[in-house]
Amino acid sequence: MRASDADREAIAQRLRAAQDEGRLTITEYDDRLQKAYAATTLGQLQPLVADLPEPVPAKPSPEVVKRERQKRNLIKEWRDWAGVSFILIAIWAVTSISSGELKFFWPMIPMGIWAAINVASMISGDSGGKKHKGDSGH
């Protein structure tokens, strides 16, 4: 089967990774890279990486995992705030309409307090104070 540009580039990336890891000398890397870009079939590409280990996907660092968890928690907090705010405003609207007069907009009190807590946790970088398995608590 004929090799595509993407196939050749994937092999070139594996060769670069192998050279960076010290598995190939610069001469071997250069030779294999020239053969990779000159290859016209997949059969010509496979022998170039046959003696190299399969690439292992990199695990995200603990800092990245923590940042992503905090981002998800923050989005959840604001989504919960918006849902509860909608319900509180609906209750206020129904009671105002049924009484025939505009009532004091009491939903602003719980909405404001909750929003202030969310903003404070955004500023401090706190993800709600919940400890997750593996957190040291320091």
N, C-alpha and C. Protein backbone atom coordinates (compact mmCIF):
# COMPACT_ATOMS: atom_id res chain seq x y z
N MET A 1 0.85 -1.17 0.00
CA MET A 1 0.00 0.00 0.00
C MET A 1 0.90 1.24 0.00
N ARG A 2 0.47 2.24 -0.71
CA ARG A 2 1.27 3.47 -0.84
C ARG A 2 1.23 4.26 0.46
N ALA A 3 2.35 4.87 0.78
CA ALA A 3 2.48 5.67 2.00
C ALA A 3 2.04 7.11 1.72
N SER A 4 1.36 7.67 2.69
CA SER A 4 0.93 9.07 2.58
C SER A 4 1.96 9.97 3.26
N ASP A 5 1.79 11.27 3.07
CA ASP A 5 2.67 12.23 3.74
C ASP A 5 2.53 12.09 5.26
N ALA A 6 1.31 11.84 5.73
CA ALA A 6 1.07 11.67 7.16
C ALA A 6 1.80 10.44 7.69
N ASP A 7 1.81 9.35 6.92
CA ASP A 7 2.55 8.14 7.32
C ASP A 7 4.04 8.42 7.44
N ARG A 8 4.58 9.12 6.46
CA ARG A 8 6.00 9.45 6.49
C ARG A 8 6.32 10.37 7.67
N GLU A 9 5.45 11.32 7.93
CA GLU A 9 5.67 12.25 9.05
C GLU A 9 5.59 11.52 10.39
N ALA A 10 4.68 10.56 10.53
CA ALA A 10 4.57 9.79 11.77
C ALA A 10 5.85 9.00 12.03
N ILE A 11 6.41 8.41 10.99
CA ILE A 11 7.67 7.67 11.13
C ILE A 11 8.80 8.64 11.48
N ALA A 12 8.81 9.80 10.84
CA ALA A 12 9.85 10.80 11.13
C ALA A 12 9.77 11.24 12.59
N GLN A 13 8.58 11.39 13.12
CA GLN A 13 8.43 11.79 14.52
C GLN A 13 8.94 10.70 15.45
N ARG A 14 8.66 9.43 15.12
CA ARG A 14 9.17 8.32 15.94
C ARG A 14 10.70 8.30 15.89
N LEU A 15 11.24 8.56 14.73
CA LEU A 15 12.70 8.59 14.60
C LEU A 15 13.30 9.74 15.42
N ARG A 16 12.63 10.92 15.39
CA ARG A 16 13.10 12.06 16.18
C ARG A 16 13.09 11.72 17.67
N ALA A 17 12.00 11.08 18.11
CA ALA A 17 11.89 10.71 19.52
C ALA A 17 12.99 9.71 19.89
N ALA A 18 13.24 8.75 19.03
CA ALA A 18 14.28 7.75 19.29
C ALA A 18 15.66 8.41 19.34
N GLN A 19 15.89 9.36 18.48
CA GLN A 19 17.19 10.06 18.48
C GLN A 19 17.31 10.91 19.75
N ASP A 20 16.23 11.56 20.16
CA ASP A 20 16.25 12.36 21.39
C ASP A 20 16.51 11.49 22.62
N GLU A 21 16.01 10.25 22.59
CA GLU A 21 16.20 9.32 23.72
C GLU A 21 17.58 8.67 23.69
N GLY A 22 18.33 8.88 22.62
CA GLY A 22 19.65 8.28 22.51
C GLY A 22 19.64 6.87 21.93
N ARG A 23 18.52 6.47 21.34
CA ARG A 23 18.42 5.14 20.74
C ARG A 23 19.07 5.08 19.36
N LEU A 24 19.21 6.24 18.72
CA LEU A 24 19.83 6.32 17.40
C LEU A 24 20.95 7.35 17.44
N THR A 25 22.01 7.05 16.73
CA THR A 25 23.06 8.06 16.57
C THR A 25 22.57 9.07 15.55
N ILE A 26 23.26 10.17 15.45
CA ILE A 26 22.87 11.19 14.49
C ILE A 26 22.98 10.66 13.06
N THR A 27 23.94 9.81 12.81
CA THR A 27 24.12 9.23 11.47
C THR A 27 22.97 8.28 11.15
N GLU A 28 22.62 7.41 12.11
CA GLU A 28 21.50 6.48 11.89
C GLU A 28 20.20 7.26 11.69
N TYR A 29 20.02 8.26 12.53
CA TYR A 29 18.82 9.08 12.42
C TYR A 29 18.72 9.73 11.05
N ASP A 30 19.80 10.34 10.58
CA ASP A 30 19.80 11.02 9.29
C ASP A 30 19.53 10.03 8.15
N ASP A 31 20.16 8.87 8.21
CA ASP A 31 19.98 7.85 7.18
C ASP A 31 18.52 7.37 7.13
N ARG A 32 17.99 7.05 8.30
CA ARG A 32 16.60 6.56 8.35
C ARG A 32 15.61 7.66 7.96
N LEU A 33 15.89 8.88 8.35
CA LEU A 33 14.99 9.99 8.00
C LEU A 33 14.95 10.21 6.50
N GLN A 34 16.09 10.14 5.82
CA GLN A 34 16.12 10.27 4.36
C GLN A 34 15.33 9.14 3.71
N LYS A 35 15.50 7.92 4.23
CA LYS A 35 14.76 6.78 3.68
C LYS A 35 13.26 6.93 3.93
N ALA A 36 12.89 7.49 5.08
CA ALA A 36 11.47 7.67 5.41
C ALA A 36 10.81 8.64 4.42
N TYR A 37 11.48 9.75 4.16
CA TYR A 37 10.88 10.73 3.25
C TYR A 37 10.94 10.27 1.79
N ALA A 38 11.81 9.33 1.48
CA ALA A 38 11.90 8.80 0.12
C ALA A 38 10.97 7.60 -0.09
N ALA A 39 10.43 7.04 0.99
CA ALA A 39 9.60 5.84 0.89
C ALA A 39 8.31 6.13 0.13
N THR A 40 7.89 5.14 -0.67
CA THR A 40 6.64 5.28 -1.42
C THR A 40 5.58 4.30 -0.93
N THR A 41 6.00 3.26 -0.18
CA THR A 41 5.02 2.28 0.33
C THR A 41 5.18 2.14 1.84
N LEU A 42 4.14 1.62 2.49
CA LEU A 42 4.20 1.39 3.92
C LEU A 42 5.23 0.32 4.25
N GLY A 43 5.42 -0.63 3.34
CA GLY A 43 6.41 -1.68 3.53
C GLY A 43 7.82 -1.14 3.62
N GLN A 44 8.08 0.00 2.99
CA GLN A 44 9.40 0.61 3.08
C GLN A 44 9.58 1.40 4.39
N LEU A 45 8.47 1.80 4.98
CA LEU A 45 8.54 2.59 6.21
C LEU A 45 8.71 1.71 7.46
N GLN A 46 8.03 0.59 7.52
CA GLN A 46 8.04 -0.24 8.72
C GLN A 46 9.43 -0.70 9.16
N PRO A 47 10.30 -1.14 8.26
CA PRO A 47 11.63 -1.57 8.71
C PRO A 47 12.45 -0.44 9.36
N LEU A 48 12.11 0.80 9.08
CA LEU A 48 12.86 1.93 9.64
C LEU A 48 12.67 2.07 11.15
N VAL A 49 11.55 1.57 11.65
CA VAL A 49 11.26 1.68 13.09
C VAL A 49 11.05 0.32 13.74
N ALA A 50 11.32 -0.77 13.02
CA ALA A 50 11.06 -2.12 13.53
C ALA A 50 11.87 -2.42 14.79
N ASP A 51 13.07 -1.89 14.91
CA ASP A 51 13.91 -2.18 16.08
C ASP A 51 13.76 -1.14 17.19
N LEU A 52 12.77 -0.24 17.05
CA LEU A 52 12.52 0.79 18.06
C LEU A 52 11.27 0.45 18.85
N PRO A 53 11.22 0.78 20.13
CA PRO A 53 10.02 0.49 20.93
C PRO A 53 8.85 1.38 20.48
N GLU A 54 7.65 0.86 20.72
CA GLU A 54 6.46 1.64 20.42
C GLU A 54 6.44 2.89 21.29
N PRO A 55 6.00 4.01 20.74
CA PRO A 55 5.96 5.22 21.57
C PRO A 55 4.91 5.08 22.68
N VAL A 56 5.28 5.54 23.86
CA VAL A 56 4.37 5.50 25.00
C VAL A 56 3.79 6.90 25.17
N PRO A 57 2.46 7.01 25.21
CA PRO A 57 1.89 8.34 25.40
C PRO A 57 2.32 8.91 26.74
N ALA A 58 2.68 10.16 26.72
CA ALA A 58 3.16 10.82 27.94
C ALA A 58 2.01 11.06 28.90
N LYS A 59 2.26 10.77 30.19
CA LYS A 59 1.26 11.05 31.22
C LYS A 59 1.35 12.52 31.56
N PRO A 60 0.19 13.15 31.77
CA PRO A 60 0.25 14.56 32.16
C PRO A 60 0.86 14.68 33.55
N SER A 61 1.54 15.78 33.77
CA SER A 61 2.18 16.00 35.07
C SER A 61 1.10 16.20 36.14
N PRO A 62 1.45 15.94 37.41
CA PRO A 62 0.48 16.14 38.49
C PRO A 62 -0.06 17.57 38.53
N GLU A 63 0.80 18.53 38.16
CA GLU A 63 0.35 19.93 38.16
C GLU A 63 -0.73 20.15 37.11
N VAL A 64 -0.57 19.54 35.93
CA VAL A 64 -1.57 19.68 34.86
C VAL A 64 -2.87 19.00 35.29
N VAL A 65 -2.76 17.83 35.91
CA VAL A 65 -3.96 17.11 36.37
C VAL A 65 -4.70 17.95 37.41
N LYS A 66 -3.94 18.55 38.34
CA LYS A 66 -4.55 19.39 39.38
C LYS A 66 -5.24 20.60 38.76
N ARG A 67 -4.57 21.25 37.81
CA ARG A 67 -5.14 22.43 37.16
C ARG A 67 -6.43 22.08 36.41
N GLU A 68 -6.43 20.93 35.71
CA GLU A 68 -7.63 20.50 34.99
C GLU A 68 -8.78 20.19 35.95
N ARG A 69 -8.46 19.55 37.08
CA ARG A 69 -9.48 19.24 38.08
C ARG A 69 -10.08 20.53 38.63
N GLN A 70 -9.21 21.52 38.93
CA GLN A 70 -9.70 22.80 39.44
C GLN A 70 -10.58 23.50 38.42
N LYS A 71 -10.20 23.41 37.15
CA LYS A 71 -10.99 24.03 36.09
C LYS A 71 -12.37 23.38 36.00
N ARG A 72 -12.42 22.03 36.05
CA ARG A 72 -13.71 21.32 36.01
C ARG A 72 -14.57 21.69 37.20
N ASN A 73 -13.94 21.75 38.40
CA ASN A 73 -14.69 22.11 39.60
C ASN A 73 -15.23 23.53 39.52
N LEU A 74 -14.45 24.44 38.98
CA LEU A 74 -14.88 25.83 38.84
C LEU A 74 -16.06 25.93 37.88
N ILE A 75 -15.97 25.24 36.76
CA ILE A 75 -17.08 25.25 35.80
C ILE A 75 -18.33 24.67 36.44
N LYS A 76 -18.18 23.59 37.20
CA LYS A 76 -19.33 22.97 37.87
C LYS A 76 -19.95 23.94 38.87
N GLU A 77 -19.10 24.62 39.66
CA GLU A 77 -19.62 25.57 40.65
C GLU A 77 -20.45 26.68 39.98
N TRP A 78 -19.95 27.26 38.88
CA TRP A 78 -20.68 28.33 38.21
C TRP A 78 -21.94 27.80 37.52
N ARG A 79 -21.88 26.58 37.00
CA ARG A 79 -23.08 25.98 36.40
C ARG A 79 -24.15 25.75 37.47
N ASP A 80 -23.73 25.24 38.64
CA ASP A 80 -24.68 25.06 39.75
C ASP A 80 -25.26 26.40 40.20
N TRP A 81 -24.39 27.41 40.29
CA TRP A 81 -24.85 28.75 40.68
C TRP A 81 -25.91 29.26 39.70
N ALA A 82 -25.65 29.10 38.42
CA ALA A 82 -26.60 29.59 37.40
C ALA A 82 -27.93 28.84 37.49
N GLY A 83 -27.88 27.53 37.70
CA GLY A 83 -29.11 26.75 37.81
C GLY A 83 -29.95 27.15 39.01
N VAL A 84 -29.30 27.29 40.16
CA VAL A 84 -30.02 27.69 41.37
C VAL A 84 -30.53 29.13 41.23
N SER A 85 -29.73 30.00 40.62
CA SER A 85 -30.15 31.39 40.41
C SER A 85 -31.41 31.43 39.54
N PHE A 86 -31.44 30.62 38.51
CA PHE A 86 -32.62 30.57 37.64
C PHE A 86 -33.85 30.16 38.43
N ILE A 87 -33.71 29.16 39.29
CA ILE A 87 -34.85 28.69 40.10
C ILE A 87 -35.29 29.77 41.07
N LEU A 88 -34.34 30.43 41.74
CA LEU A 88 -34.69 31.48 42.69
C LEU A 88 -35.39 32.65 42.00
N ILE A 89 -34.91 33.03 40.84
CA ILE A 89 -35.56 34.13 40.10
C ILE A 89 -36.95 33.72 39.65
N ALA A 90 -37.11 32.47 39.25
CA ALA A 90 -38.44 31.98 38.84
C ALA A 90 -39.40 32.02 40.02
N ILE A 91 -38.95 31.62 41.21
CA ILE A 91 -39.80 31.67 42.41
C ILE A 91 -40.17 33.12 42.71
N TRP A 92 -39.19 34.01 42.65
CA TRP A 92 -39.45 35.43 42.90
C TRP A 92 -40.46 35.98 41.89
N ALA A 93 -40.28 35.62 40.60
CA ALA A 93 -41.18 36.11 39.55
C ALA A 93 -42.60 35.60 39.77
N VAL A 94 -42.76 34.32 40.09
CA VAL A 94 -44.09 33.75 40.31
C VAL A 94 -44.77 34.41 41.51
N THR A 95 -44.03 34.61 42.59
CA THR A 95 -44.64 35.24 43.77
C THR A 95 -44.98 36.71 43.50
N SER A 96 -44.16 37.38 42.73
CA SER A 96 -44.45 38.79 42.40
C SER A 96 -45.68 38.87 41.50
N ILE A 97 -45.77 37.99 40.52
CA ILE A 97 -46.92 38.01 39.60
C ILE A 97 -48.20 37.63 40.33
N SER A 98 -48.11 36.59 41.17
CA SER A 98 -49.33 36.13 41.86
C SER A 98 -49.82 37.14 42.89
N SER A 99 -48.93 37.93 43.47
CA SER A 99 -49.37 38.94 44.45
C SER A 99 -49.83 40.22 43.77
N GLY A 100 -49.51 40.38 42.50
CA GLY A 100 -49.93 41.57 41.77
C GLY A 100 -49.03 42.76 41.97
N GLU A 101 -47.97 42.63 42.69
CA GLU A 101 -47.03 43.73 42.89
C GLU A 101 -45.60 43.20 42.82
N LEU A 102 -44.69 44.09 42.48
CA LEU A 102 -43.29 43.72 42.38
C LEU A 102 -42.70 43.61 43.78
N LYS A 103 -42.26 42.40 44.12
CA LYS A 103 -41.69 42.15 45.45
C LYS A 103 -40.21 42.52 45.46
N PHE A 104 -39.67 42.64 46.69
CA PHE A 104 -38.24 42.88 46.86
C PHE A 104 -37.49 41.73 46.18
N PHE A 105 -36.43 42.04 45.45
CA PHE A 105 -35.68 41.03 44.70
C PHE A 105 -34.74 40.30 45.66
N TRP A 106 -35.32 39.44 46.48
CA TRP A 106 -34.55 38.70 47.48
C TRP A 106 -33.55 37.69 46.90
N PRO A 107 -33.73 37.17 45.66
CA PRO A 107 -32.73 36.22 45.15
C PRO A 107 -31.32 36.79 45.06
N MET A 108 -31.21 38.15 45.05
CA MET A 108 -29.87 38.72 44.94
C MET A 108 -29.01 38.40 46.16
N ILE A 109 -29.62 38.14 47.31
CA ILE A 109 -28.84 37.87 48.52
C ILE A 109 -28.13 36.52 48.41
N PRO A 110 -28.84 35.38 48.22
CA PRO A 110 -28.10 34.12 48.10
C PRO A 110 -27.25 34.06 46.82
N MET A 111 -27.73 34.67 45.74
CA MET A 111 -26.96 34.67 44.50
C MET A 111 -25.66 35.46 44.68
N GLY A 112 -25.73 36.60 45.35
CA GLY A 112 -24.55 37.43 45.58
C GLY A 112 -23.53 36.77 46.49
N ILE A 113 -24.03 36.14 47.56
CA ILE A 113 -23.11 35.47 48.49
C ILE A 113 -22.40 34.32 47.76
N TRP A 114 -23.17 33.51 47.05
CA TRP A 114 -22.58 32.36 46.34
C TRP A 114 -21.59 32.83 45.27
N ALA A 115 -21.97 33.90 44.53
CA ALA A 115 -21.07 34.42 43.50
C ALA A 115 -19.78 34.95 44.13
N ALA A 116 -19.90 35.62 45.28
CA ALA A 116 -18.71 36.14 45.96
C ALA A 116 -17.79 35.00 46.40
N ILE A 117 -18.38 33.91 46.88
CA ILE A 117 -17.58 32.74 47.27
C ILE A 117 -16.89 32.15 46.04
N ASN A 118 -17.62 32.05 44.92
CA ASN A 118 -17.02 31.52 43.68
C ASN A 118 -15.87 32.40 43.20
N VAL A 119 -16.07 33.71 43.25
CA VAL A 119 -15.01 34.63 42.81
C VAL A 119 -13.80 34.52 43.74
N ALA A 120 -14.05 34.44 45.05
CA ALA A 120 -12.95 34.31 46.00
C ALA A 120 -12.18 33.02 45.77
N SER A 121 -12.88 31.93 45.46
CA SER A 121 -12.17 30.67 45.21
C SER A 121 -11.40 30.73 43.89
N MET A 122 -11.90 31.51 42.93
CA MET A 122 -11.15 31.69 41.68
C MET A 122 -9.86 32.46 41.94
N ILE A 123 -9.95 33.50 42.75
CA ILE A 123 -8.78 34.33 43.04
C ILE A 123 -7.74 33.56 43.84
N SER A 124 -8.21 32.79 44.83
CA SER A 124 -7.28 32.06 45.69
C SER A 124 -6.77 30.78 45.03
N GLY A 125 -7.44 30.34 43.98
CA GLY A 125 -7.03 29.10 43.32
C GLY A 125 -7.56 27.87 44.01
N ASP A 126 -8.42 28.04 45.01
CA ASP A 126 -9.00 26.92 45.74
C ASP A 126 -10.08 26.28 44.88
N SER A 127 -10.11 24.94 44.90
CA SER A 127 -11.13 24.24 44.09
C SER A 127 -12.29 23.80 44.95
N GLY A 128 -12.68 24.60 45.92
CA GLY A 128 -13.83 24.26 46.73
C GLY A 128 -13.46 23.64 48.07
N GLY A 129 -12.16 23.50 48.34
CA GLY A 129 -11.73 22.99 49.62
C GLY A 129 -11.85 21.48 49.77
N LYS A 130 -12.27 20.79 48.77
CA LYS A 130 -12.41 19.34 48.85
C LYS A 130 -11.06 18.69 48.60
N LYS A 131 -10.71 17.75 49.44
CA LYS A 131 -9.46 17.01 49.27
C LYS A 131 -9.75 15.78 48.43
N HIS A 132 -8.87 15.53 47.50
CA HIS A 132 -9.00 14.37 46.62
C HIS A 132 -7.97 13.33 47.01
N LYS A 133 -8.25 12.10 46.68
CA LYS A 133 -7.32 11.01 46.96
C LYS A 133 -5.97 11.35 46.33
N GLY A 134 -4.94 11.28 47.15
CA GLY A 134 -3.60 11.59 46.64
C GLY A 134 -3.13 13.00 46.99
N ASP A 135 -4.06 13.87 47.42
CA ASP A 135 -3.64 15.21 47.83
C ASP A 135 -2.98 15.12 49.18
N SER A 136 -1.91 15.81 49.39
CA SER A 136 -1.17 15.74 50.65
C SER A 136 -1.76 16.66 51.71
N GLY A 137 -2.51 17.66 51.27
CA GLY A 137 -3.11 18.60 52.21
C GLY A 137 -2.17 19.69 52.65
N HIS A 138 -0.99 19.82 52.06
CA HIS A 138 -0.02 20.85 52.41
C HIS A 138 -0.27 22.09 51.60
